[in-house]
C-alpha atoms as a PDB file:
ATOM      1  CA  UNK A   1     153.511  96.833 134.984  1.00  0.00           C
ATOM      2  CA  UNK A   2     150.887  99.575 135.130  1.00  0.00           C
ATOM      3  CA  UNK A   3     148.762  99.939 131.983  1.00  0.00           C
ATOM      4  CA  UNK A   4     146.231 102.741 131.569  1.00  0.00           C
ATOM      5  CA  UNK A   5     142.966 101.715 129.908  1.00  0.00           C
ATOM      6  CA  UNK A   6     141.703 105.082 128.710  1.00  0.00           C
ATOM      7  CA  UNK A   7     138.185 104.062 127.682  1.00  0.00           C
ATOM      8  CA  UNK A   8     137.563 101.751 130.654  1.00  0.00           C
ATOM      9  CA  UNK A   9     138.864 104.364 133.143  1.00  0.00           C
ATOM     10  CA  UNK A  10     141.005 101.699 134.799  1.00  0.00           C
ATOM     11  CA  UNK A  11     144.605 100.642 135.341  1.00  0.00           C
ATOM     12  CA  UNK A  12     145.636  97.065 134.614  1.00  0.00           C
ATOM     13  CA  UNK A  13     148.229  95.404 136.833  1.00  0.00           C
ATOM     14  CA  UNK A  14     150.369  93.068 134.731  1.00  0.00           C
ATOM     15  CA  UNK A  15     152.890  90.564 136.067  1.00  0.00           C
ATOM     16  CA  UNK A  16     156.084  91.113 134.076  1.00  0.00           C
ATOM     17  CA  UNK A  17     157.345  87.572 134.738  1.00  0.00           C
ATOM     18  CA  UNK A  18     154.256  85.618 133.652  1.00  0.00           C
ATOM     19  CA  UNK A  19     153.062  88.275 131.171  1.00  0.00           C
ATOM     20  CA  UNK A  20     149.493  88.118 132.479  1.00  0.00           C
ATOM     21  CA  UNK A  21     147.064  90.649 133.897  1.00  0.00           C
ATOM     22  CA  UNK A  22     146.686  90.017 137.629  1.00  0.00           C
ATOM     23  CA  UNK A  23     144.233  92.781 138.527  1.00  0.00           C
ATOM     24  CA  UNK A  24     142.381  95.853 137.359  1.00  0.00           C
ATOM     25  CA  UNK A  25     141.592  98.932 139.430  1.00  0.00           C
ATOM     26  CA  UNK A  26     139.133 101.774 138.863  1.00  0.00           C
ATOM     27  CA  UNK A  27     141.095 104.956 138.369  1.00  0.00           C
ATOM     28  CA  UNK A  28     139.596 108.124 136.825  1.00  0.00           C
ATOM     29  CA  UNK A  29     137.999 109.526 133.693  1.00  0.00           C
ATOM     30  CA  UNK A  30     140.181 109.219 130.598  1.00  0.00           C
ATOM     31  CA  UNK A  31     143.610 108.361 131.966  1.00  0.00           C
ATOM     32  CA  UNK A  32     145.928 108.808 128.998  1.00  0.00           C
ATOM     33  CA  UNK A  33     149.526 109.449 129.983  1.00  0.00           C
ATOM     34  CA  UNK A  34     151.700 108.777 133.001  1.00  0.00           C
ATOM     35  CA  UNK A  35     155.236 109.360 134.205  1.00  0.00           C
ATOM     36  CA  UNK A  36     157.314 108.757 137.300  1.00  0.00           C
ATOM     37  CA  UNK A  37     158.136 111.569 139.690  1.00  0.00           C
ATOM     38  CA  UNK A  38     161.805 112.624 139.530  1.00  0.00           C
ATOM     39  CA  UNK A  39     162.562 110.639 142.699  1.00  0.00           C
ATOM     40  CA  UNK A  40     160.767 107.530 141.341  1.00  0.00           C
ATOM     41  CA  UNK A  41     158.572 107.226 144.443  1.00  0.00           C
ATOM     42  CA  UNK A  42     155.304 107.699 142.525  1.00  0.00           C
ATOM     43  CA  UNK A  43     153.777 107.302 139.098  1.00  0.00           C
ATOM     44  CA  UNK A  44     151.612 110.278 138.161  1.00  0.00           C
ATOM     45  CA  UNK A  45     148.575 109.617 135.966  1.00  0.00           C
ATOM     46  CA  UNK A  46     147.006 112.474 134.004  1.00  0.00           C
ATOM     47  CA  UNK A  47     143.199 112.192 134.086  1.00  0.00           C
ATOM     48  CA  UNK A  48     141.929 114.464 131.332  1.00  0.00           C
ATOM     49  CA  UNK A  49     138.158 114.432 131.845  1.00  0.00           C
ATOM     50  CA  UNK A  50     138.104 114.256 135.651  1.00  0.00           C
ATOM     51  CA  UNK A  51     140.643 117.134 135.871  1.00  0.00           C
ATOM     52  CA  UNK A  52     143.000 115.498 138.344  1.00  0.00           C
ATOM     53  CA  UNK A  53     146.336 113.794 138.840  1.00  0.00           C
ATOM     54  CA  UNK A  54     146.428 110.400 140.542  1.00  0.00           C
ATOM     55  CA  UNK A  55     149.660 109.297 142.249  1.00  0.00           C
ATOM     56  CA  UNK A  56     150.242 105.528 142.280  1.00  0.00           C
ATOM     57  CA  UNK A  57     152.820 103.331 143.965  1.00  0.00           C
ATOM     58  CA  UNK A  58     155.132 102.318 141.087  1.00  0.00           C
ATOM     59  CA  UNK A  59     155.418  98.683 142.223  1.00  0.00           C
ATOM     60  CA  UNK A  60     151.960  97.866 143.568  1.00  0.00           C
ATOM     61  CA  UNK A  61     149.680 100.245 141.678  1.00  0.00           C
ATOM     62  CA  UNK A  62     148.021 101.318 144.918  1.00  0.00           C
ATOM     63  CA  UNK A  63     146.744 104.881 145.027  1.00  0.00           C
ATOM     64  CA  UNK A  64     148.857 107.252 147.119  1.00  0.00           C
ATOM     65  CA  UNK A  65     146.968 110.530 146.660  1.00  0.00           C
ATOM     66  CA  UNK A  66     144.896 112.652 144.273  1.00  0.00           C
ATOM     67  CA  UNK A  67     145.403 116.251 143.260  1.00  0.00           C
ATOM     68  CA  UNK A  68     142.193 117.788 141.959  1.00  0.00           C
ATOM     69  CA  UNK A  69     141.545 120.964 139.939  1.00  0.00           C
ATOM     70  CA  UNK A  70     144.272 120.166 137.420  1.00  0.00           C
ATOM     71  CA  UNK A  71     142.519 121.388 134.300  1.00  0.00           C
ATOM     72  CA  UNK A  72     142.293 118.844 131.459  1.00  0.00           C
ATOM     73  CA  UNK A  73     145.735 117.207 131.833  1.00  0.00           C
ATOM     74  CA  UNK A  74     146.277 115.086 128.727  1.00  0.00           C
ATOM     75  CA  UNK A  75     150.074 114.865 128.585  1.00  0.00           C
ATOM     76  CA  UNK A  76     152.486 115.845 131.362  1.00  0.00           C
ATOM     77  CA  UNK A  77     156.196 116.200 132.010  1.00  0.00           C
ATOM     78  CA  UNK A  78     158.711 117.307 134.629  1.00  0.00           C
ATOM     79  CA  UNK A  79     161.447 119.682 133.489  1.00  0.00           C
ATOM     80  CA  UNK A  80     164.990 118.276 133.866  1.00  0.00           C
ATOM     81  CA  UNK A  81     165.767 120.797 136.633  1.00  0.00           C
ATOM     82  CA  UNK A  82     162.695 119.493 138.539  1.00  0.00           C
ATOM     83  CA  UNK A  83     161.276 122.990 138.865  1.00  0.00           C
ATOM     84  CA  UNK A  84     158.248 122.633 136.584  1.00  0.00           C
ATOM     85  CA  UNK A  85     155.414 120.222 135.975  1.00  0.00           C
ATOM     86  CA  UNK A  86     153.964 120.983 132.555  1.00  0.00           C
ATOM     87  CA  UNK A  87     150.577 119.700 131.380  1.00  0.00           C
ATOM     88  CA  UNK A  88     149.098 119.885 127.907  1.00  0.00           C
ATOM     89  CA  UNK A  89     145.386 120.655 127.864  1.00  0.00           C
ATOM     90  CA  UNK A  90     144.535 119.103 124.509  1.00  0.00           C
ATOM     91  CA  UNK A  91     140.819 119.943 124.472  1.00  0.00           C
ATOM     92  CA  UNK A  92     141.262 123.512 125.744  1.00  0.00           C
ATOM     93  CA  UNK A  93     144.215 124.532 123.523  1.00  0.00           C
ATOM     94  CA  UNK A  94     146.400 125.454 126.457  1.00  0.00           C
ATOM     95  CA  UNK A  95     149.661 124.554 128.196  1.00  0.00           C
ATOM     96  CA  UNK A  96     149.733 124.884 131.992  1.00  0.00           C
ATOM     97  CA  UNK A  97     152.853 125.413 134.086  1.00  0.00           C
ATOM     98  CA  UNK A  98     152.803 124.207 137.696  1.00  0.00           C
ATOM     99  CA  UNK A  99     155.348 124.500 140.474  1.00  0.00           C
ATOM    100  CA  UNK A 100     156.667 120.949 140.679  1.00  0.00           C
ATOM    101  CA  UNK A 101     157.062 121.079 144.458  1.00  0.00           C
ATOM    102  CA  UNK A 102     153.515 121.945 145.483  1.00  0.00           C
ATOM    103  CA  UNK A 103     151.592 121.761 142.155  1.00  0.00           C
ATOM    104  CA  UNK A 104     150.376 125.347 142.353  1.00  0.00           C
ATOM    105  CA  UNK A 105     149.515 126.898 139.006  1.00  0.00           C
ATOM    106  CA  UNK A 106     152.041 129.468 137.753  1.00  0.00           C
ATOM    107  CA  UNK A 107     150.953 130.200 134.181  1.00  0.00           C
ATOM    108  CA  UNK A 108     148.360 129.210 131.597  1.00  0.00           C
ATOM    109  CA  UNK A 109     149.611 129.674 128.057  1.00  0.00           C
ATOM    110  CA  UNK A 110     147.373 129.624 124.946  1.00  0.00           C
ATOM    111  CA  UNK A 111     148.549 126.885 122.572  1.00  0.00           C
ATOM    112  CA  UNK A 112     146.275 126.639 119.551  1.00  0.00           C
ATOM    113  CA  UNK A 113     145.625 124.147 118.283  1.00  0.00           C
ATOM    114  CA  UNK A 114     145.405 120.809 120.138  1.00  0.00           C
ATOM    115  CA  UNK A 115     148.641 120.659 122.194  1.00  0.00           C
ATOM    116  CA  UNK A 116     149.670 117.017 122.378  1.00  0.00           C
ATOM    117  CA  UNK A 117     153.158 115.831 123.426  1.00  0.00           C
ATOM    118  CA  UNK A 118     156.159 117.663 124.884  1.00  0.00           C
ATOM    119  CA  UNK A 119     159.943 117.631 125.234  1.00  0.00           C
ATOM    120  CA  UNK A 120     162.479 119.759 127.137  1.00  0.00           C
ATOM    121  CA  UNK A 121     165.969 121.013 126.420  1.00  0.00           C
ATOM    122  CA  UNK A 122     168.699 119.889 128.805  1.00  0.00           C
ATOM    123  CA  UNK A 123     168.977 123.306 130.491  1.00  0.00           C
ATOM    124  CA  UNK A 124     165.215 123.451 131.217  1.00  0.00           C
ATOM    125  CA  UNK A 125     164.948 126.774 129.409  1.00  0.00           C
ATOM    126  CA  UNK A 126     162.278 125.557 126.989  1.00  0.00           C
ATOM    127  CA  UNK A 127     159.409 123.133 126.700  1.00  0.00           C
ATOM    128  CA  UNK A 128     158.525 122.191 123.121  1.00  0.00           C
ATOM    129  CA  UNK A 129     154.921 121.187 122.389  1.00  0.00           C
ATOM    130  CA  UNK A 130     153.412 119.587 119.296  1.00  0.00           C
ATOM    131  CA  UNK A 131     150.199 121.227 118.096  1.00  0.00           C
ATOM    132  CA  UNK A 132     148.237 118.501 116.320  1.00  0.00           C
ATOM    133  CA  UNK A 133     145.448 120.736 115.062  1.00  0.00           C
ATOM    134  CA  UNK A 134     147.682 123.356 113.424  1.00  0.00           C
ATOM    135  CA  UNK A 135     150.618 121.065 112.479  1.00  0.00           C
ATOM    136  CA  UNK A 136     153.214 123.133 114.334  1.00  0.00           C
ATOM    137  CA  UNK A 137     155.766 122.909 117.125  1.00  0.00           C
ATOM    138  CA  UNK A 138     155.511 125.576 119.817  1.00  0.00           C
ATOM    139  CA  UNK A 139     158.475 126.636 121.976  1.00  0.00           C
ATOM    140  CA  UNK A 140     157.638 128.047 125.420  1.00  0.00           C
ATOM    141  CA  UNK A 141     160.335 129.838 127.392  1.00  0.00           C
ATOM    142  CA  UNK A 142     160.137 128.490 130.948  1.00  0.00           C
ATOM    143  CA  UNK A 143     162.100 131.448 132.312  1.00  0.00           C
ATOM    144  CA  UNK A 144     159.556 133.987 131.085  1.00  0.00           C
ATOM    145  CA  UNK A 145     156.552 131.615 130.990  1.00  0.00           C
ATOM    146  CA  UNK A 146     155.764 132.920 127.498  1.00  0.00           C
ATOM    147  CA  UNK A 147     155.544 131.384 124.022  1.00  0.00           C
ATOM    148  CA  UNK A 148     158.644 132.294 122.044  1.00  0.00           C
ATOM    149  CA  UNK A 149     158.278 130.793 118.576  1.00  0.00           C
ATOM    150  CA  UNK A 150     156.346 128.335 116.408  1.00  0.00           C
ATOM    151  CA  UNK A 151     157.379 126.483 113.278  1.00  0.00           C
ATOM    152  CA  UNK A 152     155.296 124.448 110.809  1.00  0.00           C
ATOM    153  CA  UNK A 153     155.917 120.709 110.575  1.00  0.00           C
ATOM    154  CA  UNK A 154     154.170 117.799 108.867  1.00  0.00           C
ATOM    155  CA  UNK A 155     150.482 116.975 109.349  1.00  0.00           C
ATOM    156  CA  UNK A 156     149.208 116.076 112.834  1.00  0.00           C
ATOM    157  CA  UNK A 157     152.459 115.968 114.840  1.00  0.00           C
ATOM    158  CA  UNK A 158     152.288 113.779 117.939  1.00  0.00           C
ATOM    159  CA  UNK A 159     155.331 112.565 119.902  1.00  0.00           C
ATOM    160  CA  UNK A 160     158.355 114.808 120.265  1.00  0.00           C
ATOM    161  CA  UNK A 161     161.787 113.871 121.609  1.00  0.00           C
ATOM    162  CA  UNK A 162     165.054 115.707 122.267  1.00  0.00           C
ATOM    163  CA  UNK A 163     168.143 113.864 121.012  1.00  0.00           C
ATOM    164  CA  UNK A 164     170.632 112.958 123.785  1.00  0.00           C
ATOM    165  CA  UNK A 165     173.161 115.535 122.530  1.00  0.00           C
ATOM    166  CA  UNK A 166     170.519 118.286 122.908  1.00  0.00           C
ATOM    167  CA  UNK A 167     170.974 119.118 119.221  1.00  0.00           C
ATOM    168  CA  UNK A 168     167.742 118.112 117.489  1.00  0.00           C
ATOM    169  CA  UNK A 169     164.058 117.681 118.178  1.00  0.00           C
ATOM    170  CA  UNK A 170     162.515 114.576 116.644  1.00  0.00           C
ATOM    171  CA  UNK A 171     158.839 115.039 115.765  1.00  0.00           C
ATOM    172  CA  UNK A 172     156.572 112.076 114.972  1.00  0.00           C
ATOM    173  CA  UNK A 173     154.287 113.021 112.079  1.00  0.00           C
ATOM    174  CA  UNK A 174     151.134 111.024 112.724  1.00  0.00           C
ATOM    175  CA  UNK A 175     149.354 112.328 109.625  1.00  0.00           C
ATOM    176  CA  UNK A 176     152.075 110.907 107.381  1.00  0.00           C
ATOM    177  CA  UNK A 177     154.798 108.245 107.475  1.00  0.00           C
ATOM    178  CA  UNK A 178     157.892 110.009 108.757  1.00  0.00           C
ATOM    179  CA  UNK A 179     159.599 111.738 111.631  1.00  0.00           C
ATOM    180  CA  UNK A 180     160.855 115.266 111.160  1.00  0.00           C
ATOM    181  CA  UNK A 181     164.235 116.401 112.477  1.00  0.00           C
ATOM    182  CA  UNK A 182     164.202 119.979 113.781  1.00  0.00           C
ATOM    183  CA  UNK A 183     167.196 122.176 114.588  1.00  0.00           C
ATOM    184  CA  UNK A 184     165.498 123.956 117.474  1.00  0.00           C
ATOM    185  CA  UNK A 185     168.154 126.644 117.834  1.00  0.00           C
ATOM    186  CA  UNK A 186     167.669 127.873 114.254  1.00  0.00           C
ATOM    187  CA  UNK A 187     163.959 126.930 114.118  1.00  0.00           C
ATOM    188  CA  UNK A 188     164.427 124.946 110.924  1.00  0.00           C
ATOM    189  CA  UNK A 189     163.475 121.496 109.649  1.00  0.00           C
ATOM    190  CA  UNK A 190     166.629 119.696 108.517  1.00  0.00           C
ATOM    191  CA  UNK A 191     165.473 116.197 107.550  1.00  0.00           C
ATOM    192  CA  UNK A 192     162.458 113.917 107.106  1.00  0.00           C
ATOM    193  CA  UNK A 193     163.028 110.233 107.803  1.00  0.00           C
ATOM    194  CA  UNK A 194     160.483 107.700 106.564  1.00  0.00           C
ATOM    195  CA  UNK A 195     159.333 105.420 109.407  1.00  0.00           C
ATOM    196  CA  UNK A 196     155.814 104.067 108.890  1.00  0.00           C
ATOM    197  CA  UNK A 197     152.269 105.326 108.544  1.00  0.00           C
ATOM    198  CA  UNK A 198     150.932 107.178 111.597  1.00  0.00           C
ATOM    199  CA  UNK A 199     154.375 107.699 113.142  1.00  0.00           C
ATOM    200  CA  UNK A 200     153.412 108.428 116.702  1.00  0.00           C
ATOM    201  CA  UNK A 201     155.678 108.276 119.753  1.00  0.00           C
ATOM    202  CA  UNK A 202     159.205 107.806 121.151  1.00  0.00           C
ATOM    203  CA  UNK A 203     160.986 105.880 123.897  1.00  0.00           C
ATOM    204  CA  UNK A 204     164.742 105.982 124.599  1.00  0.00           C
ATOM    205  CA  UNK A 205     166.438 102.593 124.385  1.00  0.00           C
ATOM    206  CA  UNK A 206     168.616 103.529 127.371  1.00  0.00           C
ATOM    207  CA  UNK A 207     171.985 103.530 125.619  1.00  0.00           C
ATOM    208  CA  UNK A 208     172.224 107.296 125.092  1.00  0.00           C
ATOM    209  CA  UNK A 209     171.946 106.926 121.328  1.00  0.00           C
ATOM    210  CA  UNK A 210     168.871 105.061 120.061  1.00  0.00           C
ATOM    211  CA  UNK A 211     165.124 105.647 120.411  1.00  0.00           C
ATOM    212  CA  UNK A 212     162.145 103.482 119.560  1.00  0.00           C
ATOM    213  CA  UNK A 213     159.469 105.020 117.314  1.00  0.00           C
ATOM    214  CA  UNK A 214     155.935 103.620 117.141  1.00  0.00           C
ATOM    215  CA  UNK A 215     153.808 103.499 113.986  1.00  0.00           C
ATOM    216  CA  UNK A 216     150.234 103.524 115.263  1.00  0.00           C
ATOM    217  CA  UNK A 217     148.324 101.631 112.583  1.00  0.00           C
ATOM    218  CA  UNK A 218     146.363  98.393 112.845  1.00  0.00           C
ATOM    219  CA  UNK A 219     149.152  96.562 111.044  1.00  0.00           C
ATOM    220  CA  UNK A 220     151.579  98.381 113.333  1.00  0.00           C
ATOM    221  CA  UNK A 221     155.329  98.632 113.714  1.00  0.00           C
ATOM    222  CA  UNK A 222     158.053  99.928 116.000  1.00  0.00           C
ATOM    223  CA  UNK A 223     161.356 101.157 114.552  1.00  0.00           C
ATOM    224  CA  UNK A 224     164.719 101.664 116.224  1.00  0.00           C
ATOM    225  CA  UNK A 225     166.198 105.044 115.255  1.00  0.00           C
ATOM    226  CA  UNK A 226     169.831 106.135 115.560  1.00  0.00           C
ATOM    227  CA  UNK A 227     169.951 109.739 116.844  1.00  0.00           C
ATOM    228  CA  UNK A 228     173.524 110.225 115.607  1.00  0.00           C
ATOM    229  CA  UNK A 229     173.216 108.986 112.028  1.00  0.00           C
ATOM    230  CA  UNK A 230     169.526 110.004 111.898  1.00  0.00           C
ATOM    231  CA  UNK A 231     168.585 106.693 110.273  1.00  0.00           C
ATOM    232  CA  UNK A 232     166.375 103.697 111.069  1.00  0.00           C
ATOM    233  CA  UNK A 233     168.470 100.655 112.031  1.00  0.00           C
ATOM    234  CA  UNK A 234     165.816  98.035 112.905  1.00  0.00           C
ATOM    235  CA  UNK A 235     162.081  97.503 112.563  1.00  0.00           C
ATOM    236  CA  UNK A 236     159.645  95.159 114.339  1.00  0.00           C
ATOM    237  CA  UNK A 237     156.105  94.140 113.401  1.00  0.00           C
ATOM    238  CA  UNK A 238     153.796  95.099 116.294  1.00  0.00           C
ATOM    239  CA  UNK A 239     150.102  94.859 115.360  1.00  0.00           C
ATOM    240  CA  UNK A 240     147.141  96.624 116.921  1.00  0.00           C
ATOM    241  CA  UNK A 241     148.156 100.286 116.948  1.00  0.00           C
ATOM    242  CA  UNK A 242     151.321 100.502 119.099  1.00  0.00           C
ATOM    243  CA  UNK A 243     151.404 103.757 121.040  1.00  0.00           C
ATOM    244  CA  UNK A 244     153.259 104.242 124.339  1.00  0.00           C
ATOM    245  CA  UNK A 245     156.230 101.997 125.136  1.00  0.00           C
ATOM    246  CA  UNK A 246     158.355 100.729 128.010  1.00  0.00           C
ATOM    247  CA  UNK A 247     161.621  98.745 128.037  1.00  0.00           C
ATOM    248  CA  UNK A 248     163.086  96.399 130.623  1.00  0.00           C
ATOM    249  CA  UNK A 249     166.229  97.444 132.481  1.00  0.00           C
ATOM    250  CA  UNK A 250     168.128  94.523 130.909  1.00  0.00           C
ATOM    251  CA  UNK A 251     167.101  95.691 127.435  1.00  0.00           C
ATOM    252  CA  UNK A 252     165.579  92.323 126.531  1.00  0.00           C
ATOM    253  CA  UNK A 253     161.894  93.233 126.164  1.00  0.00           C
ATOM    254  CA  UNK A 254     160.069  96.192 124.645  1.00  0.00           C
ATOM    255  CA  UNK A 255     156.439  96.612 125.762  1.00  0.00           C
ATOM    256  CA  UNK A 256     153.906  98.634 123.764  1.00  0.00           C
ATOM    257  CA  UNK A 257     150.247  99.396 124.343  1.00  0.00           C
ATOM    258  CA  UNK A 258     148.156  98.397 121.313  1.00  0.00           C
ATOM    259  CA  UNK A 259     145.402 101.028 121.302  1.00  0.00           C
ATOM    260  CA  UNK A 260     143.167  99.233 118.810  1.00  0.00           C
ATOM    261  CA  UNK A 261     143.663  95.645 120.001  1.00  0.00           C
ATOM    262  CA  UNK A 262     143.078  95.967 123.780  1.00  0.00           C
ATOM    263  CA  UNK A 263     146.467  94.382 124.345  1.00  0.00           C
ATOM    264  CA  UNK A 264     150.014  95.023 125.440  1.00  0.00           C
ATOM    265  CA  UNK A 265     152.460  93.686 122.876  1.00  0.00           C
ATOM    266  CA  UNK A 266     155.872  92.482 124.064  1.00  0.00           C
ATOM    267  CA  UNK A 267     158.787  92.364 121.626  1.00  0.00           C
ATOM    268  CA  UNK A 268     161.764  90.080 122.246  1.00  0.00           C
ATOM    269  CA  UNK A 269     164.552  92.428 121.174  1.00  0.00           C
ATOM    270  CA  UNK A 270     167.174  89.703 120.859  1.00  0.00           C
ATOM    271  CA  UNK A 271     164.988  87.702 118.458  1.00  0.00           C
ATOM    272  CA  UNK A 272     163.447  90.849 116.984  1.00  0.00           C
ATOM    273  CA  UNK A 273     159.903  89.518 117.031  1.00  0.00           C
ATOM    274  CA  UNK A 274     156.677  89.621 119.004  1.00  0.00           C
ATOM    275  CA  UNK A 275     156.913  87.273 121.984  1.00  0.00           C
ATOM    276  CA  UNK A 276     153.755  87.948 124.038  1.00  0.00           C
ATOM    277  CA  UNK A 277     150.369  89.556 123.513  1.00  0.00           C
ATOM    278  CA  UNK A 278     148.662  90.405 126.815  1.00  0.00           C
ATOM    279  CA  UNK A 279     144.902  91.194 126.956  1.00  0.00           C
ATOM    280  CA  UNK A 280     144.045  94.329 128.969  1.00  0.00           C
ATOM    281  CA  UNK A 281     141.248  96.926 128.875  1.00  0.00           C
ATOM    282  CA  UNK A 282     139.879  99.125 126.131  1.00  0.00           C
ATOM    283  CA  UNK A 283     142.172 101.652 124.451  1.00  0.00           C
ATOM    284  CA  UNK A 284     145.321 100.956 126.501  1.00  0.00           C
ATOM    285  CA  UNK A 285     147.580 104.002 126.440  1.00  0.00           C
ATOM    286  CA  UNK A 286     150.274 104.700 129.049  1.00  0.00           C
ATOM    287  CA  UNK A 287     152.494 101.848 130.302  1.00  0.00           C
ATOM    288  CA  UNK A 288     155.131 101.805 133.045  1.00  0.00           C
ATOM    289  CA  UNK A 289     157.171  99.450 135.171  1.00  0.00           C
ATOM    290  CA  UNK A 290     159.740 100.330 137.793  1.00  0.00           C
ATOM    291  CA  UNK A 291     162.562  98.143 136.475  1.00  0.00           C
ATOM    292  CA  UNK A 292     163.009 100.036 133.222  1.00  0.00           C
ATOM    293  CA  UNK A 293     166.072 101.061 131.246  1.00  0.00           C
ATOM    294  CA  UNK A 294     167.523 104.559 131.767  1.00  0.00           C
ATOM    295  CA  UNK A 295     165.622 107.418 130.118  1.00  0.00           C
ATOM    296  CA  UNK A 296     168.500 108.451 127.881  1.00  0.00           C
END
């Protein structure tokens, strides 16, 4: 597993069989988020302060290449049609659109205030961005490279996720204790579902129906949410500020970076309890391993 230690500017290498850290590599300034390339040959790390992307081998963690002059990439995502790489510049209130093939800049779009996480519709017509500072969701039309609409949501929205049926956007309301369900075609909020304090981020379970939702407090929790019934079906105690998550391909273990505890917490999903707590660096954020469940 690759674990980004944002404050230490390192990546921890964690053995997923023994659940122990086996190495730690210097990486870049403020690595926060990561994702695999569409062909799964690389893991791309967004380095916000050093203004670069670092490509790592997904199984060894070895550096493959660096792309510099990527301005303040905090969060990043590839559009489903593989045409765009989108980065959120959280400090500069801007969303940048890059050609996914050669990483040339195509458009820089003002996004006040504090663009955080993103999600796409299935047709790759839109990217939806949470604006933490103004408590809104911004829709950017990828065909025109222009902002199209904004709607208010709850305080300090963070993670955002498109339901598998492409019907609703789920928005994690970090400044409260709920996720907000948005009908993105009518630009309306249709439901608020209580999760936990500091509701923060999402990860698909891999079954095309359920998503995990983290509650980033020191007490901490992760909930399993049904995207069809729009209800919570399970909840696990995960202390230390659970943030980003990863799940094994066999669906047996859920991993979560504990931002406040300098650990990765591993939940045994069959027993529905914490099974391992793995020490890593300071402020662990992104986590990835190659043998993960489908992103659906």
